Protein backbone atom coordinates (compact mmCIF):
# COMPACT_ATOMS: atom_id res chain seq x y z
CA MET A 1 11.51 -33.70 -18.02
CA THR A 2 13.60 -33.37 -14.85
CA GLU A 3 13.05 -37.02 -13.97
CA GLU A 4 14.06 -38.14 -17.45
CA VAL A 5 17.25 -36.07 -17.38
CA ASN A 6 18.09 -37.31 -13.90
CA LYS A 7 17.69 -40.95 -14.91
CA SER A 8 20.08 -40.55 -17.80
CA ALA A 9 22.49 -38.22 -16.04
CA GLY A 10 24.91 -41.02 -15.31
CA SER A 11 25.16 -42.07 -18.93
CA SER A 12 27.34 -40.37 -21.52
CA GLN A 13 24.22 -39.78 -23.63
CA GLY A 14 22.45 -38.02 -20.77
CA ALA A 15 25.50 -35.91 -19.96
CA ASP A 16 25.89 -34.98 -23.62
CA LEU A 17 22.23 -33.97 -23.81
CA ALA A 18 22.54 -31.76 -20.72
CA LYS A 19 25.68 -30.09 -22.12
CA LYS A 20 24.08 -29.39 -25.50
CA LEU A 21 20.92 -27.94 -23.99
CA THR A 22 22.98 -25.85 -21.56
CA VAL A 23 24.93 -24.43 -24.52
CA ALA A 24 21.68 -23.70 -26.38
CA SER A 25 20.11 -22.07 -23.31
CA SER A 26 23.24 -19.98 -22.75
CA ALA A 27 23.06 -18.79 -26.36
CA GLY A 28 19.40 -17.96 -25.88
CA ILE A 29 19.95 -15.98 -22.70
CA PHE A 30 22.88 -14.20 -24.39
CA ILE A 31 20.40 -12.95 -26.99
CA PHE A 32 17.95 -11.98 -24.26
CA GLY A 33 20.73 -9.88 -22.74
CA ILE A 34 20.96 -8.02 -26.06
CA VAL A 35 17.16 -7.60 -26.06
CA MET A 36 17.27 -6.13 -22.56
CA ALA A 37 20.13 -3.72 -23.25
CA ILE A 38 19.65 -2.57 -26.80
CA LEU A 39 16.79 -0.14 -26.25
CA GLY A 40 18.62 1.68 -23.48
CA ALA A 41 21.83 1.72 -25.51
CA ILE A 42 20.27 3.22 -28.64
CA LEU A 43 17.70 5.39 -26.84
CA PRO A 44 19.68 8.67 -26.93
CA GLN A 45 20.21 8.46 -30.69
CA LEU A 46 16.74 7.04 -31.30
CA SER A 47 15.18 9.90 -29.32
CA SER A 48 17.15 12.39 -31.37
CA LEU A 49 16.24 10.80 -34.71
CA LEU A 50 12.53 10.48 -33.90
CA GLN A 51 12.34 13.58 -31.68
CA LEU A 52 10.98 11.62 -28.72
CA ASP A 53 10.31 13.23 -25.36
CA LYS A 54 11.03 11.23 -22.20
CA ALA A 55 7.41 10.14 -21.76
CA ARG A 56 7.20 8.61 -25.26
CA ALA A 57 10.63 7.02 -24.79
CA GLY A 58 9.38 5.52 -21.53
CA ASN A 59 6.40 4.11 -23.44
CA LEU A 60 8.80 2.00 -25.52
CA PHE A 61 10.03 0.26 -22.36
CA PHE A 62 6.44 -0.11 -21.17
CA PHE A 63 5.20 -1.82 -24.33
CA MET A 64 8.28 -4.00 -24.76
CA ASN A 65 7.74 -5.26 -21.22
CA LEU A 66 4.05 -5.66 -21.94
CA GLY A 67 5.02 -8.08 -24.72
CA MET A 68 7.36 -9.94 -22.36
CA LEU A 69 4.62 -10.10 -19.77
CA ALA A 70 2.11 -11.60 -22.21
CA ALA A 71 4.65 -14.22 -23.29
CA SER A 72 5.64 -15.06 -19.71
CA ILE A 73 2.05 -15.65 -18.63
CA VAL A 74 1.48 -18.35 -21.24
CA PHE A 75 4.90 -19.92 -21.80
CA GLY A 76 5.07 -21.96 -18.58
CA PRO A 77 1.96 -24.13 -18.95
CA LEU A 78 2.68 -24.47 -22.68
CA VAL A 79 6.24 -25.80 -22.23
CA ASP A 80 5.11 -28.09 -19.41
CA ARG A 81 2.47 -29.46 -21.80
CA PHE A 82 4.25 -29.45 -25.18
CA GLY A 83 7.97 -29.15 -24.37
CA PHE A 84 10.55 -26.40 -24.87
CA LYS A 85 11.88 -26.99 -28.38
CA ILE A 86 9.36 -25.36 -30.71
CA PHE A 87 8.78 -22.32 -28.50
CA LEU A 88 12.46 -21.55 -27.95
CA ALA A 89 13.38 -22.01 -31.62
CA LEU A 90 10.48 -19.94 -32.94
CA SER A 91 11.07 -17.15 -30.42
CA SER A 92 14.75 -16.88 -31.38
CA LEU A 93 13.74 -16.45 -35.00
CA LEU A 94 11.18 -13.79 -34.06
CA VAL A 95 13.81 -11.87 -32.10
CA SER A 96 15.99 -11.76 -35.21
CA LEU A 97 13.09 -10.57 -37.37
CA SER A 98 12.17 -7.93 -34.78
CA PHE A 99 15.70 -6.54 -34.84
CA VAL A 100 15.47 -6.31 -38.62
CA GLY A 101 12.17 -4.44 -38.27
CA LEU A 102 13.70 -2.09 -35.70
CA ALA A 103 16.68 -1.41 -37.97
CA PHE A 104 14.46 -0.35 -40.87
CA SER A 105 11.71 1.40 -38.88
CA GLY A 106 11.07 4.87 -40.23
CA GLY A 107 8.83 6.23 -37.49
CA TYR A 108 7.69 5.87 -33.91
CA SER A 109 4.79 3.50 -34.72
CA PHE A 110 7.08 1.04 -36.52
CA VAL A 111 9.58 1.14 -33.66
CA LEU A 112 6.75 0.47 -31.21
CA VAL A 113 5.53 -2.59 -33.13
CA SER A 114 9.08 -3.92 -33.36
CA VAL A 115 9.74 -3.61 -29.62
CA VAL A 116 6.41 -5.28 -28.75
CA ILE A 117 7.30 -8.33 -30.88
CA LEU A 118 10.81 -8.20 -29.45
CA GLY A 119 9.31 -8.32 -25.98
CA LEU A 120 7.01 -11.24 -26.81
CA ALA A 121 9.80 -13.37 -28.26
CA GLY A 122 12.36 -12.29 -25.67
CA GLY A 123 9.98 -13.19 -22.85
CA VAL A 124 9.70 -16.78 -24.07
CA ILE A 125 13.49 -17.09 -24.46
CA ASN A 126 14.08 -15.71 -20.97
CA GLY A 127 11.52 -17.86 -19.20
CA GLY A 128 12.17 -20.97 -21.28
CA SER A 129 15.96 -20.85 -20.94
CA ASN A 130 15.79 -20.34 -17.17
CA ALA A 131 13.21 -23.10 -16.69
CA LEU A 132 15.21 -25.50 -18.87
CA ILE A 133 18.41 -24.87 -16.90
CA ASN A 134 16.45 -25.31 -13.67
CA ASP A 135 15.37 -28.76 -14.90
CA LEU A 136 18.80 -29.78 -16.17
CA HIS A 137 20.64 -29.01 -12.91
CA PRO A 138 18.32 -29.92 -10.00
CA SER A 139 21.16 -30.38 -7.50
CA ARG A 140 22.78 -26.98 -8.14
CA ARG A 141 20.03 -24.68 -9.33
CA ALA A 142 21.33 -21.42 -7.83
CA ALA A 143 24.83 -21.91 -9.27
CA ALA A 144 23.50 -23.00 -12.67
CA LEU A 145 21.08 -20.07 -12.95
CA ASN A 146 23.77 -17.60 -11.89
CA PHE A 147 26.09 -19.16 -14.50
CA LEU A 148 23.36 -18.72 -17.10
CA GLY A 149 23.13 -15.10 -16.01
CA ILE A 150 26.76 -14.60 -17.02
CA PHE A 151 25.74 -15.01 -20.65
CA PHE A 152 22.91 -12.57 -20.10
CA GLY A 153 25.55 -10.09 -18.92
CA ILE A 154 27.77 -10.74 -21.93
CA GLY A 155 24.87 -10.09 -24.30
CA ALA A 156 23.75 -6.99 -22.43
CA MET A 157 27.30 -5.66 -22.41
CA LEU A 158 28.03 -6.34 -26.08
CA ILE A 159 25.76 -3.86 -27.88
CA PRO A 160 26.63 -0.81 -25.68
CA LEU A 161 30.30 -1.73 -26.12
CA ILE A 162 29.95 -1.86 -29.91
CA ILE A 163 28.05 1.44 -29.90
CA SER A 164 30.71 3.14 -27.79
CA GLY A 165 33.51 2.02 -30.09
CA PHE A 166 32.08 1.62 -33.57
CA LEU A 167 28.79 3.50 -33.90
CA HIS A 168 30.24 6.23 -36.13
CA GLN A 169 31.96 3.70 -38.38
CA LEU A 170 29.08 1.21 -38.60
CA GLY A 171 25.98 3.33 -38.11
CA LEU A 172 23.00 2.50 -35.90
CA ARG A 173 21.30 0.27 -38.49
CA SER A 174 24.36 -1.96 -38.90
CA VAL A 175 24.66 -2.41 -35.14
CA ILE A 176 21.02 -3.54 -34.88
CA LEU A 177 21.41 -5.86 -37.88
CA LEU A 178 24.43 -7.40 -36.18
CA ALA A 179 22.16 -8.21 -33.24
CA ALA A 180 19.69 -9.76 -35.71
CA GLY A 181 22.42 -12.02 -37.12
CA LEU A 182 23.56 -13.14 -33.68
CA SER A 183 19.97 -14.06 -32.80
CA LEU A 184 20.06 -16.79 -35.43
CA ILE A 185 22.66 -18.73 -33.40
CA PRO A 186 20.22 -19.95 -30.70
CA PHE A 187 17.58 -20.48 -33.39
CA VAL A 188 19.88 -23.00 -35.08
CA LEU A 189 20.87 -24.67 -31.79
CA PHE A 190 17.31 -24.99 -30.52
CA SER A 191 16.24 -26.34 -33.91
CA VAL A 192 18.86 -29.09 -34.25
CA PHE A 193 19.26 -30.33 -30.66
CA TYR A 194 17.07 -33.09 -29.25
CA PHE A 195 14.85 -32.13 -26.29
CA PRO A 196 13.39 -34.59 -23.75
CA ARG A 197 9.65 -35.21 -23.74
CA PRO A 198 7.24 -32.71 -22.08
CA LYS A 199 6.69 -33.13 -18.36
CA GLN A 200 2.90 -33.02 -18.56
CA PRO A 201 2.04 -34.58 -21.96
CA GLN A 202 -1.44 -35.65 -20.83
CA GLY A 203 -2.60 -32.14 -19.96
CA PHE A 204 -2.42 -29.61 -17.16
CA PRO A 205 -2.82 -30.91 -13.58
CA LEU A 206 -5.14 -28.10 -12.45
CA LYS A 207 -5.01 -29.12 -8.79
CA ASP A 208 -1.22 -28.75 -8.71
CA ILE A 209 -1.33 -25.45 -10.62
CA LYS A 210 -3.84 -24.11 -8.07
CA LYS A 211 -1.49 -25.19 -5.29
CA ILE A 212 1.39 -23.33 -6.92
CA ALA A 213 -0.69 -20.19 -7.39
CA SER A 214 -1.73 -20.23 -3.72
CA SER A 215 1.82 -20.54 -2.39
CA LYS A 216 2.85 -17.55 -0.24
CA LEU A 217 6.49 -18.42 -0.83
CA LEU A 218 6.00 -18.24 -4.60
CA TRP A 219 4.50 -14.76 -4.38
CA LEU A 220 7.18 -13.49 -2.01
CA GLY A 221 9.78 -14.55 -4.58
CA ALA A 222 7.65 -13.19 -7.41
CA PHE A 223 7.42 -9.74 -5.87
CA ILE A 224 11.17 -9.66 -5.26
CA LEU A 225 11.42 -10.28 -9.02
CA PHE A 226 8.79 -7.55 -9.56
CA PHE A 227 11.03 -4.92 -8.00
CA GLU A 228 14.29 -6.39 -9.31
CA SER A 229 13.11 -6.53 -12.93
CA GLY A 230 12.05 -2.92 -12.58
CA ASN A 231 15.51 -2.04 -11.28
CA GLU A 232 17.36 -3.77 -14.11
CA PHE A 233 15.16 -2.23 -16.79
CA SER A 234 15.25 1.23 -15.19
CA ILE A 235 19.01 1.40 -14.64
CA GLY A 236 19.88 -0.34 -17.90
CA GLY A 237 17.36 1.74 -19.83
CA TRP A 238 18.01 5.21 -18.43
CA LEU A 239 21.67 5.17 -17.33
CA SER A 240 23.05 6.49 -20.64
CA SER A 241 20.48 9.27 -20.76
CA PHE A 242 21.12 10.16 -17.11
CA LEU A 243 24.88 10.46 -17.63
CA GLN A 244 24.32 12.67 -20.67
CA GLU A 245 21.78 14.85 -18.88
CA LYS A 246 23.64 15.37 -15.59
CA PHE A 247 27.31 15.09 -16.57
CA GLN A 248 27.23 15.89 -20.31
CA PHE A 249 28.75 12.54 -21.27
CA SER A 250 29.06 11.98 -25.00
CA LEU A 251 26.99 9.18 -26.54
CA ASN A 252 30.10 6.98 -26.81
CA GLN A 253 31.14 7.66 -23.20
CA ALA A 254 27.67 6.96 -21.84
CA ALA A 255 27.41 3.71 -23.84
CA LEU A 256 30.80 2.62 -22.51
CA VAL A 257 29.66 3.15 -18.91
CA LEU A 258 26.45 1.25 -19.65
CA SER A 259 28.56 -1.60 -21.01
CA GLY A 260 30.59 -1.49 -17.80
CA TYR A 261 27.40 -1.68 -15.74
CA TRP A 262 26.37 -4.88 -17.54
CA PHE A 263 29.94 -6.20 -17.27
CA PHE A 264 29.91 -5.85 -13.49
CA LEU A 265 26.48 -7.50 -13.38
CA MET A 266 28.03 -10.39 -15.29
CA ILE A 267 31.02 -10.53 -12.92
CA GLY A 268 28.66 -10.59 -9.96
CA ARG A 269 26.84 -13.60 -11.35
CA LEU A 270 30.19 -15.34 -11.83
CA VAL A 271 31.36 -14.61 -8.28
CA PHE A 272 28.21 -15.08 -6.20
CA PRO A 273 27.98 -18.89 -6.67
CA LEU A 274 31.45 -19.07 -5.12
CA ILE A 275 30.37 -16.88 -2.21
CA ASN A 276 27.29 -19.08 -1.81
CA ARG A 277 29.57 -21.88 -0.61
CA LEU A 278 30.35 -19.77 2.47
CA VAL A 279 27.25 -17.60 2.89
CA LYS A 280 23.58 -18.55 2.70
CA ARG A 281 21.91 -17.42 -0.50
CA GLU A 282 19.22 -15.55 1.44
CA ALA A 283 21.94 -13.37 2.98
CA ILE A 284 23.55 -12.88 -0.43
CA VAL A 285 20.31 -11.48 -1.87
CA PHE A 286 19.80 -9.16 1.10
CA PHE A 287 23.32 -7.73 1.08
CA SER A 288 23.34 -7.52 -2.73
CA ALA A 289 20.22 -5.36 -2.56
CA ALA A 290 21.85 -3.23 0.15
CA LEU A 291 24.95 -2.70 -2.02
CA ALA A 292 22.79 -1.75 -5.00
CA LEU A 293 20.72 0.66 -2.88
CA VAL A 294 23.83 2.48 -1.67
CA SER A 295 25.28 2.51 -5.18
CA VAL A 296 22.18 3.88 -6.93
CA SER A 297 21.87 6.54 -4.24
CA GLY A 298 25.51 7.46 -4.75
CA LEU A 299 25.00 7.61 -8.51
CA ILE A 300 22.10 10.03 -8.08
CA ILE A 301 23.82 12.43 -5.68
CA SER A 302 27.39 12.17 -6.98
CA PRO A 303 28.87 15.58 -7.88
CA LEU A 304 31.75 14.07 -9.88
CA LYS A 305 31.81 12.18 -13.18
CA GLY A 306 34.38 9.63 -12.05
CA LEU A 307 32.52 8.87 -8.84
CA ALA A 308 29.28 8.47 -10.75
CA VAL A 309 30.96 5.89 -13.01
CA VAL A 310 32.15 3.93 -9.96
CA PHE A 311 28.66 3.92 -8.47
CA ALA A 312 27.17 2.82 -11.83
CA LEU A 313 29.53 -0.18 -11.94
CA LEU A 314 28.83 -1.10 -8.31
CA THR A 315 25.12 -0.95 -9.03
CA GLY A 316 25.55 -3.70 -11.62
CA LEU A 317 27.53 -5.76 -9.11
CA GLY A 318 24.85 -5.30 -6.45
CA LEU A 319 21.95 -6.27 -8.70
CA ALA A 320 23.68 -9.36 -10.07
CA ALA A 321 22.63 -12.06 -7.61
CA ILE A 322 19.06 -11.02 -6.84
CA TYR A 323 17.16 -12.32 -9.88
CA PRO A 324 18.75 -15.74 -10.54
CA THR A 325 19.06 -16.63 -6.86
CA THR A 326 15.40 -15.85 -6.24
CA LEU A 327 14.43 -17.91 -9.29
CA ALA A 328 16.38 -20.83 -7.85
CA VAL A 329 14.27 -20.65 -4.68
CA VAL A 330 11.10 -20.80 -6.78
CA GLY A 331 12.46 -23.70 -8.86
CA GLU A 332 13.26 -25.78 -5.78
CA GLN A 333 9.74 -25.56 -4.45
CA PHE A 334 7.98 -26.80 -7.62
CA PRO A 335 10.27 -29.13 -9.62
CA ALA A 336 7.42 -31.06 -11.28
CA LEU A 337 5.88 -27.89 -12.76
CA SER A 338 8.87 -25.59 -12.94
CA GLY A 339 7.69 -24.02 -16.21
CA THR A 340 4.38 -22.96 -14.67
CA ALA A 341 6.02 -21.73 -11.44
CA PHE A 342 8.62 -19.78 -13.43
CA SER A 343 5.86 -18.42 -15.64
CA LEU A 344 4.00 -16.91 -12.69
CA ALA A 345 7.15 -15.57 -11.04
CA ILE A 346 8.72 -14.14 -14.20
CA ALA A 347 5.40 -12.64 -15.34
CA THR A 348 5.11 -10.84 -12.01
CA GLY A 349 8.68 -9.63 -12.40
CA LEU A 350 7.92 -8.28 -15.84
CA VAL A 351 5.02 -6.23 -14.52
CA GLY A 352 7.66 -4.43 -12.46
CA GLY A 353 9.94 -4.27 -15.49
CA MET A 354 7.08 -2.67 -17.40
CA ILE A 355 6.02 -0.14 -14.77
CA SER A 356 9.33 1.01 -13.30
CA PRO A 357 11.14 2.44 -16.39
CA TRP A 358 7.85 3.95 -17.57
CA LEU A 359 7.45 5.60 -14.15
CA VAL A 360 11.06 6.87 -14.28
CA GLY A 361 10.33 8.42 -17.68
CA LEU A 362 7.06 9.97 -16.48
CA ILE A 363 8.65 11.50 -13.38
CA SER A 364 11.65 12.71 -15.38
CA GLN A 365 9.38 14.36 -17.94
CA HIS A 366 8.06 16.63 -15.19
CA SER A 367 11.33 16.87 -13.24
CA THR A 368 14.77 15.34 -13.94
CA LEU A 369 16.20 11.87 -14.35
CA GLN A 370 17.99 12.45 -11.07
CA ILE A 371 14.59 12.48 -9.35
CA GLY A 372 13.19 9.71 -11.57
CA LEU A 373 15.93 7.30 -10.50
CA LEU A 374 14.64 7.43 -6.94
CA VAL A 375 12.20 4.74 -8.13
CA PRO A 376 14.85 1.96 -8.05
CA VAL A 377 16.11 3.25 -4.69
CA PHE A 378 12.66 2.69 -3.20
CA SER A 379 12.37 -0.68 -4.96
CA LEU A 380 15.66 -1.93 -3.52
CA PHE A 381 14.53 -1.05 -0.02
CA LEU A 382 11.37 -3.11 -0.55
CA ILE A 383 13.45 -6.05 -1.88
CA MET A 384 15.39 -6.06 1.39
CA VAL A 385 12.14 -6.13 3.39
CA LEU A 386 10.65 -8.93 1.26
CA GLN A 387 13.85 -10.96 1.46
CA LEU A 388 13.74 -10.86 5.26
CA ILE A 389 10.15 -12.17 5.15
CA LEU A 390 11.08 -14.82 2.57
CA THR A 391 14.02 -16.00 4.68
CA LYS A 392 11.72 -16.45 7.67
CA LYS A 393 9.19 -18.28 5.50
CA ILE A 394 11.80 -20.69 4.11
CA SER A 395 13.08 -21.55 7.58
CA SER A 396 9.59 -22.26 8.95
CA PRO A 397 8.11 -25.82 8.77
CA PRO A 398 4.87 -24.94 6.88
CA VAL A 399 6.87 -24.27 3.70
CA LYS A 400 7.30 -28.03 3.27
CA GLU A 401 3.60 -28.37 2.58
CA ASN A 402 4.01 -26.53 -0.72
CA GLN A 403 6.79 -28.69 -2.01
CA GLN A 404 5.95 -31.03 -4.87
């Protein structure tokens, strides 16, 4: 598909196609932001209503990520073979239906089923939207993927913001149903817009897929995503509960801080492409991870409410550039099979997103959330180590052998 878009890029028709699909992908990733944030935002009230302990609450994150993982493993080869349209449209509809199921769930089992389906559909939207943007903007992948991440931040920020301001007036069910209604927007866009033909309509080139899977550079990037996905799920999922546990924040106050965390993540993804003009992206990822490590550590040990809020916001800023910039590196290496490469990388990331918040919940069940949040501190340190190795790998000549 990349070649087809590139050939028509100079024409008004090609430019119009790229703009429409960028709008649709932005709407899709906006909904994925809601998917990512909603469980953490409603978790305190959901735990109270269903009388969930921290271990069972952590299981919700685990199984939602398990659904995302399953979707991410299969979506790449499928979209390379059959195209993006049907999978993105159908997944958007399933997200909406999952929100409806979550809104009317009367017990833990029903909530669990809803979040698994939410994870499956959200995983396809996340991977498909990122891979599509990667194909549409081959000359500026990092900037385009960071720009896409802005809409992720808007979606992730929206639901906590609504909860902090209008939960008592609207009620939890109405808030979730609002998310269901918004999810129909990308469903409509993906359904009506034309998509270019699949990149591999004759079948899967197994030799090339094997080459991708054996790439050391791919797996270095994938394991950065492993730890980063875990960080975003852990902080986004447990921040509200942590602020309530340690500082006795009200539900509205904690949701407002969570919204601020996602807002600063969005701001970071807006600013980092500008910084990338002056600083190499490898350095941006390293120093972003360092900022996030200091910020999460400060959040954990802070004795003051106000200082904890500042550290929470800076954590969002620090995490912002890591995921989309690393995806851009992966996309550059394998442009002919970007869906498959993204599938492997994102699936690996989601394993981390599945394990990390579950591990935080398990540790917290036997200790405190203050101790549980040491998990992302350790993960950020490992991201810095992996990024140094990845930087060396990119700058060495053998990397060119893996390029398609």
